[in-house]
Amino acid sequence: MAKHGGNRFLLDTLKTMHASLLKKLADEAGKSKTSNDVSKEAAAEIAKEKGNAAFEAKSWQKAIGFYSDAIKLNSTTATYFSNRAAAYLEVGSFIQAEADCTKAIDIDKKNVKAYVRRGTAREMLGYYKKAIEDFRYALVLEPTNKRAAVSADRLSKLFQ
């Protein structure tokens, strides 16, 4: 009887230790994932800053590459898509610009720059009514946005 009780105590102790080790392991895995996510986000920000520098230097293709790197590292930041769209507009890649703006808007419904850039891309693609909608929505979000106001007025006079 004592032997059976001793085995039960040993079994309970092993179960407790096992559960404790599993919890520690899960905690450590969670911490390393979190630090990995943080380092990816930091690397994405660095890539974005390099893209901004390339954009300022009018190196559009380099900017597109850096913004693409940022997106690969963190595809949940609207600014990366919106910035790449701006570079695509500069090189005349209007379809890609529109797609990136749409992704940016899906992530952040209040991204004024994404609406203005998508409106510009749509205007260049000949989607005038959709462009007007984008410019007007940008004005709802930011009534003092001159670029959106001028574009919306110009297109409205021409196409409505």
N, C-alpha and C. Protein backbone atom coordinates (compact mmCIF):
# COMPACT_ATOMS: atom_id res chain seq x y z
N MET A 1 0.83 -1.18 0.00
CA MET A 1 0.00 0.00 0.00
C MET A 1 0.87 1.24 0.00
N ALA A 2 1.92 1.24 0.80
CA ALA A 2 2.82 2.39 0.87
C ALA A 2 3.53 2.56 -0.46
N LYS A 3 3.87 1.43 -1.07
CA LYS A 3 4.56 1.51 -2.35
C LYS A 3 3.65 2.17 -3.39
N HIS A 4 2.37 1.81 -3.39
CA HIS A 4 1.42 2.38 -4.34
C HIS A 4 1.25 3.88 -4.10
N GLY A 5 1.18 4.29 -2.85
CA GLY A 5 1.07 5.71 -2.50
C GLY A 5 2.30 6.48 -2.92
N GLY A 6 3.47 5.88 -2.78
CA GLY A 6 4.72 6.52 -3.18
C GLY A 6 4.77 6.71 -4.69
N ASN A 7 4.31 5.73 -5.43
CA ASN A 7 4.27 5.84 -6.89
C ASN A 7 3.31 6.94 -7.32
N ARG A 8 2.18 7.07 -6.62
CA ARG A 8 1.19 8.10 -6.94
C ARG A 8 1.79 9.48 -6.72
N PHE A 9 2.52 9.62 -5.60
CA PHE A 9 3.16 10.91 -5.29
C PHE A 9 4.19 11.25 -6.37
N LEU A 10 4.98 10.26 -6.76
CA LEU A 10 5.99 10.47 -7.80
C LEU A 10 5.34 10.83 -9.13
N LEU A 11 4.24 10.16 -9.48
CA LEU A 11 3.53 10.44 -10.72
C LEU A 11 2.96 11.87 -10.70
N ASP A 12 2.35 12.26 -9.58
CA ASP A 12 1.81 13.62 -9.46
C ASP A 12 2.92 14.66 -9.57
N THR A 13 4.05 14.40 -8.98
CA THR A 13 5.19 15.32 -9.03
C THR A 13 5.70 15.47 -10.46
N LEU A 14 5.82 14.35 -11.15
CA LEU A 14 6.27 14.38 -12.54
C LEU A 14 5.29 15.14 -13.42
N LYS A 15 3.99 14.93 -13.20
CA LYS A 15 2.99 15.65 -13.98
C LYS A 15 3.09 17.16 -13.75
N THR A 16 3.28 17.55 -12.49
CA THR A 16 3.40 18.97 -12.15
C THR A 16 4.64 19.57 -12.80
N MET A 17 5.76 18.84 -12.70
CA MET A 17 7.00 19.32 -13.31
C MET A 17 6.86 19.43 -14.83
N HIS A 18 6.24 18.45 -15.43
CA HIS A 18 6.05 18.44 -16.87
C HIS A 18 5.21 19.64 -17.31
N ALA A 19 4.11 19.87 -16.58
CA ALA A 19 3.24 21.01 -16.91
C ALA A 19 4.00 22.33 -16.75
N SER A 20 4.82 22.40 -15.70
CA SER A 20 5.60 23.61 -15.45
C SER A 20 6.63 23.84 -16.57
N LEU A 21 7.27 22.78 -17.00
CA LEU A 21 8.25 22.89 -18.09
C LEU A 21 7.57 23.28 -19.40
N LEU A 22 6.41 22.70 -19.69
CA LEU A 22 5.67 23.05 -20.90
C LEU A 22 5.29 24.53 -20.89
N LYS A 23 4.87 25.03 -19.72
CA LYS A 23 4.49 26.44 -19.61
C LYS A 23 5.71 27.33 -19.85
N LYS A 24 6.84 26.97 -19.24
CA LYS A 24 8.08 27.74 -19.45
C LYS A 24 8.47 27.75 -20.92
N LEU A 25 8.38 26.60 -21.55
CA LEU A 25 8.73 26.47 -22.96
C LEU A 25 7.81 27.34 -23.82
N ALA A 26 6.53 27.32 -23.54
CA ALA A 26 5.58 28.14 -24.28
C ALA A 26 5.86 29.63 -24.06
N ASP A 27 6.17 30.00 -22.83
CA ASP A 27 6.50 31.40 -22.52
C ASP A 27 7.73 31.85 -23.29
N GLU A 28 8.75 31.00 -23.31
CA GLU A 28 9.98 31.34 -24.04
C GLU A 28 9.73 31.45 -25.54
N ALA A 29 8.92 30.54 -26.06
CA ALA A 29 8.60 30.58 -27.49
C ALA A 29 7.84 31.86 -27.80
N GLY A 30 6.93 32.26 -26.93
CA GLY A 30 6.19 33.50 -27.12
C GLY A 30 7.10 34.71 -27.07
N LYS A 31 8.07 34.71 -26.17
CA LYS A 31 9.01 35.83 -26.05
C LYS A 31 9.88 35.94 -27.29
N SER A 32 10.39 34.81 -27.77
CA SER A 32 11.26 34.88 -28.95
C SER A 32 10.47 35.31 -30.17
N LYS A 33 9.22 34.90 -30.26
CA LYS A 33 8.39 35.33 -31.38
C LYS A 33 8.16 36.83 -31.30
N THR A 34 7.89 37.30 -30.11
CA THR A 34 7.65 38.73 -29.93
C THR A 34 8.89 39.53 -30.28
N SER A 35 10.06 39.11 -29.82
CA SER A 35 11.28 39.86 -30.14
C SER A 35 11.59 39.76 -31.62
N ASN A 36 11.27 38.62 -32.24
CA ASN A 36 11.47 38.47 -33.68
C ASN A 36 10.55 39.42 -34.43
N ASP A 37 9.28 39.52 -33.98
CA ASP A 37 8.34 40.45 -34.60
C ASP A 37 8.84 41.88 -34.47
N VAL A 38 9.35 42.21 -33.28
CA VAL A 38 9.87 43.57 -33.06
C VAL A 38 11.04 43.84 -33.98
N SER A 39 11.94 42.87 -34.12
CA SER A 39 13.10 43.10 -34.99
C SER A 39 12.67 43.20 -36.45
N LYS A 40 11.64 42.46 -36.86
CA LYS A 40 11.13 42.57 -38.23
C LYS A 40 10.51 43.94 -38.46
N GLU A 41 9.78 44.42 -37.46
CA GLU A 41 9.18 45.75 -37.57
C GLU A 41 10.25 46.82 -37.65
N ALA A 42 11.30 46.67 -36.85
CA ALA A 42 12.39 47.64 -36.88
C ALA A 42 13.10 47.60 -38.23
N ALA A 43 13.33 46.41 -38.75
CA ALA A 43 13.97 46.28 -40.06
C ALA A 43 13.09 46.86 -41.16
N ALA A 44 11.77 46.68 -41.03
CA ALA A 44 10.84 47.25 -42.01
C ALA A 44 10.89 48.78 -41.97
N GLU A 45 10.99 49.34 -40.78
CA GLU A 45 11.09 50.80 -40.65
C GLU A 45 12.39 51.32 -41.28
N ILE A 46 13.47 50.59 -41.10
CA ILE A 46 14.75 50.98 -41.71
C ILE A 46 14.63 50.94 -43.23
N ALA A 47 14.00 49.88 -43.76
CA ALA A 47 13.80 49.77 -45.21
C ALA A 47 12.94 50.93 -45.71
N LYS A 48 11.90 51.28 -44.95
CA LYS A 48 11.04 52.41 -45.34
C LYS A 48 11.85 53.70 -45.38
N GLU A 49 12.69 53.93 -44.39
CA GLU A 49 13.51 55.15 -44.35
C GLU A 49 14.47 55.19 -45.54
N LYS A 50 15.03 54.03 -45.89
CA LYS A 50 15.89 53.97 -47.08
C LYS A 50 15.08 54.28 -48.34
N GLY A 51 13.85 53.77 -48.38
CA GLY A 51 12.95 54.07 -49.49
C GLY A 51 12.64 55.56 -49.57
N ASN A 52 12.41 56.17 -48.41
CA ASN A 52 12.14 57.61 -48.39
C ASN A 52 13.34 58.40 -48.92
N ALA A 53 14.54 57.98 -48.53
CA ALA A 53 15.75 58.66 -49.01
C ALA A 53 15.90 58.50 -50.52
N ALA A 54 15.65 57.30 -51.01
CA ALA A 54 15.73 57.06 -52.46
C ALA A 54 14.66 57.87 -53.19
N PHE A 55 13.48 57.97 -52.61
CA PHE A 55 12.40 58.75 -53.22
C PHE A 55 12.81 60.22 -53.30
N GLU A 56 13.35 60.74 -52.22
CA GLU A 56 13.80 62.15 -52.20
C GLU A 56 14.88 62.40 -53.26
N ALA A 57 15.70 61.38 -53.50
CA ALA A 57 16.77 61.48 -54.50
C ALA A 57 16.26 61.18 -55.91
N LYS A 58 14.94 60.98 -56.02
CA LYS A 58 14.30 60.67 -57.30
C LYS A 58 14.78 59.35 -57.91
N SER A 59 15.23 58.44 -57.05
CA SER A 59 15.60 57.09 -57.49
C SER A 59 14.38 56.20 -57.27
N TRP A 60 13.44 56.34 -58.19
CA TRP A 60 12.14 55.71 -58.00
C TRP A 60 12.21 54.19 -57.88
N GLN A 61 12.99 53.55 -58.76
CA GLN A 61 13.07 52.08 -58.72
C GLN A 61 13.70 51.59 -57.42
N LYS A 62 14.73 52.30 -56.94
CA LYS A 62 15.33 51.93 -55.65
C LYS A 62 14.31 52.09 -54.54
N ALA A 63 13.55 53.18 -54.59
CA ALA A 63 12.52 53.41 -53.57
C ALA A 63 11.51 52.27 -53.58
N ILE A 64 11.07 51.87 -54.77
CA ILE A 64 10.12 50.77 -54.89
C ILE A 64 10.71 49.51 -54.26
N GLY A 65 11.97 49.25 -54.51
CA GLY A 65 12.63 48.07 -53.94
C GLY A 65 12.67 48.12 -52.42
N PHE A 66 13.03 49.26 -51.85
CA PHE A 66 13.09 49.38 -50.39
C PHE A 66 11.70 49.26 -49.77
N TYR A 67 10.71 49.90 -50.40
CA TYR A 67 9.35 49.78 -49.85
C TYR A 67 8.86 48.34 -49.97
N SER A 68 9.23 47.66 -51.03
CA SER A 68 8.86 46.24 -51.17
C SER A 68 9.49 45.41 -50.07
N ASP A 69 10.75 45.72 -49.73
CA ASP A 69 11.42 45.03 -48.62
C ASP A 69 10.66 45.26 -47.32
N ALA A 70 10.25 46.50 -47.09
CA ALA A 70 9.51 46.82 -45.87
C ALA A 70 8.20 46.02 -45.82
N ILE A 71 7.53 45.92 -46.96
CA ILE A 71 6.27 45.18 -47.02
C ILE A 71 6.50 43.70 -46.75
N LYS A 72 7.60 43.14 -47.28
CA LYS A 72 7.90 41.72 -47.02
C LYS A 72 8.11 41.47 -45.53
N LEU A 73 8.70 42.44 -44.84
CA LEU A 73 8.96 42.30 -43.41
C LEU A 73 7.73 42.57 -42.56
N ASN A 74 6.87 43.46 -43.04
CA ASN A 74 5.68 43.82 -42.26
C ASN A 74 4.60 44.30 -43.22
N SER A 75 3.70 43.42 -43.55
CA SER A 75 2.66 43.75 -44.54
C SER A 75 1.40 44.32 -43.90
N THR A 76 1.50 44.76 -42.65
CA THR A 76 0.32 45.30 -41.97
C THR A 76 0.42 46.80 -41.74
N THR A 77 1.37 47.45 -42.38
CA THR A 77 1.53 48.89 -42.23
C THR A 77 1.14 49.58 -43.54
N ALA A 78 0.09 50.37 -43.48
CA ALA A 78 -0.46 51.03 -44.67
C ALA A 78 0.54 51.97 -45.33
N THR A 79 1.36 52.62 -44.53
CA THR A 79 2.31 53.60 -45.06
C THR A 79 3.27 52.98 -46.07
N TYR A 80 3.68 51.75 -45.86
CA TYR A 80 4.61 51.11 -46.79
C TYR A 80 3.97 50.96 -48.17
N PHE A 81 2.70 50.54 -48.20
CA PHE A 81 2.00 50.40 -49.47
C PHE A 81 1.76 51.77 -50.11
N SER A 82 1.37 52.73 -49.31
CA SER A 82 1.10 54.07 -49.82
C SER A 82 2.37 54.72 -50.38
N ASN A 83 3.48 54.54 -49.68
CA ASN A 83 4.75 55.10 -50.17
C ASN A 83 5.19 54.43 -51.47
N ARG A 84 5.02 53.11 -51.53
CA ARG A 84 5.41 52.42 -52.77
C ARG A 84 4.51 52.88 -53.91
N ALA A 85 3.24 53.13 -53.60
CA ALA A 85 2.32 53.64 -54.62
C ALA A 85 2.79 54.99 -55.16
N ALA A 86 3.29 55.84 -54.28
CA ALA A 86 3.80 57.15 -54.72
C ALA A 86 4.96 56.96 -55.70
N ALA A 87 5.84 56.02 -55.41
CA ALA A 87 6.96 55.75 -56.31
C ALA A 87 6.45 55.15 -57.63
N TYR A 88 5.46 54.25 -57.54
CA TYR A 88 4.88 53.70 -58.77
C TYR A 88 4.26 54.81 -59.63
N LEU A 89 3.62 55.78 -59.00
CA LEU A 89 3.05 56.90 -59.76
C LEU A 89 4.15 57.65 -60.51
N GLU A 90 5.28 57.82 -59.88
CA GLU A 90 6.40 58.55 -60.49
C GLU A 90 6.94 57.86 -61.74
N VAL A 91 6.88 56.53 -61.76
CA VAL A 91 7.39 55.80 -62.93
C VAL A 91 6.28 55.43 -63.91
N GLY A 92 5.06 55.87 -63.63
CA GLY A 92 3.96 55.60 -64.55
C GLY A 92 3.34 54.23 -64.43
N SER A 93 3.59 53.54 -63.32
CA SER A 93 2.98 52.22 -63.10
C SER A 93 1.67 52.41 -62.34
N PHE A 94 0.65 52.86 -63.07
CA PHE A 94 -0.60 53.27 -62.44
C PHE A 94 -1.42 52.11 -61.90
N ILE A 95 -1.37 50.97 -62.56
CA ILE A 95 -2.11 49.80 -62.08
C ILE A 95 -1.55 49.34 -60.74
N GLN A 96 -0.22 49.26 -60.63
CA GLN A 96 0.42 48.87 -59.38
C GLN A 96 0.15 49.90 -58.28
N ALA A 97 0.18 51.18 -58.67
CA ALA A 97 -0.09 52.24 -57.70
C ALA A 97 -1.51 52.11 -57.15
N GLU A 98 -2.47 51.88 -58.04
CA GLU A 98 -3.86 51.72 -57.59
C GLU A 98 -3.99 50.53 -56.65
N ALA A 99 -3.34 49.42 -57.00
CA ALA A 99 -3.43 48.21 -56.17
C ALA A 99 -2.82 48.45 -54.79
N ASP A 100 -1.66 49.11 -54.75
CA ASP A 100 -1.03 49.39 -53.45
C ASP A 100 -1.87 50.33 -52.61
N CYS A 101 -2.47 51.32 -53.24
CA CYS A 101 -3.34 52.25 -52.49
C CYS A 101 -4.55 51.51 -51.93
N THR A 102 -5.10 50.61 -52.71
CA THR A 102 -6.24 49.84 -52.23
C THR A 102 -5.85 49.00 -51.02
N LYS A 103 -4.65 48.40 -51.05
CA LYS A 103 -4.17 47.63 -49.90
C LYS A 103 -3.98 48.54 -48.69
N ALA A 104 -3.41 49.71 -48.92
CA ALA A 104 -3.21 50.66 -47.83
C ALA A 104 -4.55 51.06 -47.21
N ILE A 105 -5.55 51.29 -48.04
CA ILE A 105 -6.88 51.68 -47.56
C ILE A 105 -7.54 50.51 -46.82
N ASP A 106 -7.33 49.29 -47.30
CA ASP A 106 -7.86 48.13 -46.59
C ASP A 106 -7.30 48.04 -45.18
N ILE A 107 -6.03 48.41 -45.02
CA ILE A 107 -5.38 48.37 -43.72
C ILE A 107 -5.80 49.56 -42.85
N ASP A 108 -5.87 50.74 -43.48
CA ASP A 108 -6.18 51.97 -42.75
C ASP A 108 -7.17 52.80 -43.55
N LYS A 109 -8.44 52.71 -43.16
CA LYS A 109 -9.52 53.38 -43.90
C LYS A 109 -9.43 54.91 -43.86
N LYS A 110 -8.56 55.45 -43.01
CA LYS A 110 -8.45 56.90 -42.89
C LYS A 110 -7.14 57.44 -43.46
N ASN A 111 -6.51 56.69 -44.32
CA ASN A 111 -5.23 57.09 -44.92
C ASN A 111 -5.50 58.04 -46.09
N VAL A 112 -5.44 59.33 -45.82
CA VAL A 112 -5.76 60.36 -46.81
C VAL A 112 -4.84 60.26 -48.02
N LYS A 113 -3.55 60.10 -47.77
CA LYS A 113 -2.59 60.03 -48.88
C LYS A 113 -2.93 58.87 -49.83
N ALA A 114 -3.37 57.75 -49.27
CA ALA A 114 -3.71 56.60 -50.11
C ALA A 114 -4.91 56.92 -51.00
N TYR A 115 -5.91 57.62 -50.47
CA TYR A 115 -7.06 58.00 -51.30
C TYR A 115 -6.64 58.97 -52.41
N VAL A 116 -5.80 59.96 -52.07
CA VAL A 116 -5.37 60.93 -53.08
C VAL A 116 -4.52 60.23 -54.15
N ARG A 117 -3.62 59.37 -53.72
CA ARG A 117 -2.77 58.67 -54.69
C ARG A 117 -3.58 57.71 -55.54
N ARG A 118 -4.55 57.02 -54.93
CA ARG A 118 -5.38 56.12 -55.73
C ARG A 118 -6.23 56.92 -56.71
N GLY A 119 -6.71 58.07 -56.28
CA GLY A 119 -7.45 58.94 -57.18
C GLY A 119 -6.60 59.36 -58.36
N THR A 120 -5.35 59.69 -58.10
CA THR A 120 -4.42 60.08 -59.16
C THR A 120 -4.19 58.91 -60.12
N ALA A 121 -3.95 57.73 -59.55
CA ALA A 121 -3.74 56.54 -60.39
C ALA A 121 -4.98 56.26 -61.25
N ARG A 122 -6.14 56.35 -60.63
CA ARG A 122 -7.38 56.07 -61.37
C ARG A 122 -7.62 57.11 -62.45
N GLU A 123 -7.29 58.35 -62.16
CA GLU A 123 -7.42 59.39 -63.19
C GLU A 123 -6.52 59.05 -64.38
N MET A 124 -5.29 58.68 -64.11
CA MET A 124 -4.36 58.35 -65.19
C MET A 124 -4.79 57.10 -65.96
N LEU A 125 -5.52 56.21 -65.30
CA LEU A 125 -6.02 55.00 -65.96
C LEU A 125 -7.34 55.25 -66.69
N GLY A 126 -7.89 56.45 -66.52
CA GLY A 126 -9.14 56.78 -67.19
C GLY A 126 -10.39 56.42 -66.40
N TYR A 127 -10.24 56.07 -65.12
CA TYR A 127 -11.39 55.75 -64.26
C TYR A 127 -11.81 57.02 -63.54
N TYR A 128 -12.39 57.96 -64.28
CA TYR A 128 -12.61 59.31 -63.76
C TYR A 128 -13.62 59.37 -62.63
N LYS A 129 -14.72 58.64 -62.74
CA LYS A 129 -15.71 58.67 -61.67
C LYS A 129 -15.16 58.10 -60.37
N LYS A 130 -14.41 57.00 -60.49
CA LYS A 130 -13.80 56.42 -59.30
C LYS A 130 -12.75 57.36 -58.72
N ALA A 131 -12.02 58.05 -59.59
CA ALA A 131 -11.02 59.01 -59.13
C ALA A 131 -11.69 60.15 -58.35
N ILE A 132 -12.79 60.65 -58.89
CA ILE A 132 -13.54 61.73 -58.20
C ILE A 132 -13.99 61.24 -56.82
N GLU A 133 -14.49 60.00 -56.74
CA GLU A 133 -14.91 59.44 -55.44
C GLU A 133 -13.76 59.42 -54.45
N ASP A 134 -12.58 59.00 -54.92
CA ASP A 134 -11.42 58.96 -54.02
C ASP A 134 -11.03 60.36 -53.55
N PHE A 135 -10.99 61.32 -54.47
CA PHE A 135 -10.63 62.68 -54.08
C PHE A 135 -11.65 63.25 -53.10
N ARG A 136 -12.92 63.00 -53.34
CA ARG A 136 -13.96 63.50 -52.44
C ARG A 136 -13.88 62.84 -51.07
N TYR A 137 -13.57 61.56 -51.05
CA TYR A 137 -13.45 60.88 -49.75
C TYR A 137 -12.24 61.41 -48.98
N ALA A 138 -11.17 61.69 -49.71
CA ALA A 138 -10.00 62.30 -49.06
C ALA A 138 -10.39 63.63 -48.43
N LEU A 139 -11.25 64.38 -49.11
CA LEU A 139 -11.70 65.67 -48.58
C LEU A 139 -12.62 65.51 -47.37
N VAL A 140 -13.36 64.42 -47.31
CA VAL A 140 -14.17 64.15 -46.11
C VAL A 140 -13.23 63.95 -44.92
N LEU A 141 -12.15 63.21 -45.15
CA LEU A 141 -11.20 62.94 -44.07
C LEU A 141 -10.35 64.16 -43.73
N GLU A 142 -10.00 64.94 -44.75
CA GLU A 142 -9.13 66.09 -44.56
C GLU A 142 -9.62 67.23 -45.47
N PRO A 143 -10.57 68.01 -44.98
CA PRO A 143 -11.19 69.05 -45.82
C PRO A 143 -10.24 70.10 -46.37
N THR A 144 -9.06 70.25 -45.78
CA THR A 144 -8.11 71.28 -46.25
C THR A 144 -7.08 70.73 -47.24
N ASN A 145 -7.25 69.50 -47.69
CA ASN A 145 -6.28 68.92 -48.62
C ASN A 145 -6.45 69.56 -50.00
N LYS A 146 -5.50 70.41 -50.35
CA LYS A 146 -5.61 71.19 -51.60
C LYS A 146 -5.51 70.32 -52.84
N ARG A 147 -4.62 69.35 -52.81
CA ARG A 147 -4.46 68.49 -53.98
C ARG A 147 -5.76 67.75 -54.29
N ALA A 148 -6.39 67.22 -53.25
CA ALA A 148 -7.65 66.51 -53.45
C ALA A 148 -8.74 67.46 -53.93
N ALA A 149 -8.78 68.65 -53.35
CA ALA A 149 -9.81 69.63 -53.73
C ALA A 149 -9.66 70.06 -55.18
N VAL A 150 -8.44 70.40 -55.59
CA VAL A 150 -8.19 70.83 -56.97
C VAL A 150 -8.52 69.71 -57.95
N SER A 151 -8.08 68.50 -57.63
CA SER A 151 -8.32 67.37 -58.52
C SER A 151 -9.81 67.04 -58.62
N ALA A 152 -10.50 67.03 -57.49
CA ALA A 152 -11.93 66.74 -57.50
C ALA A 152 -12.69 67.79 -58.31
N ASP A 153 -12.36 69.07 -58.11
CA ASP A 153 -13.03 70.14 -58.86
C ASP A 153 -12.76 70.03 -60.36
N ARG A 154 -11.50 69.82 -60.71
CA ARG A 154 -11.13 69.73 -62.12
C ARG A 154 -11.85 68.58 -62.81
N LEU A 155 -11.84 67.41 -62.18
CA LEU A 155 -12.49 66.24 -62.80
C LEU A 155 -14.01 66.39 -62.80
N SER A 156 -14.56 66.96 -61.75
CA SER A 156 -16.02 67.14 -61.69
C SER A 156 -16.50 68.05 -62.83
N LYS A 157 -15.76 69.08 -63.10
CA LYS A 157 -16.13 70.01 -64.19
C LYS A 157 -16.06 69.31 -65.55
N LEU A 158 -15.10 68.43 -65.68
CA LEU A 158 -14.90 67.75 -66.96
C LEU A 158 -15.86 66.58 -67.19
N PHE A 159 -16.21 65.87 -66.12
CA PHE A 159 -16.89 64.58 -66.32
C PHE A 159 -18.23 64.44 -65.62
N GLN A 160 -18.78 65.52 -65.07
CA GLN A 160 -20.11 65.35 -64.46
C GLN A 160 -21.00 66.50 -64.81
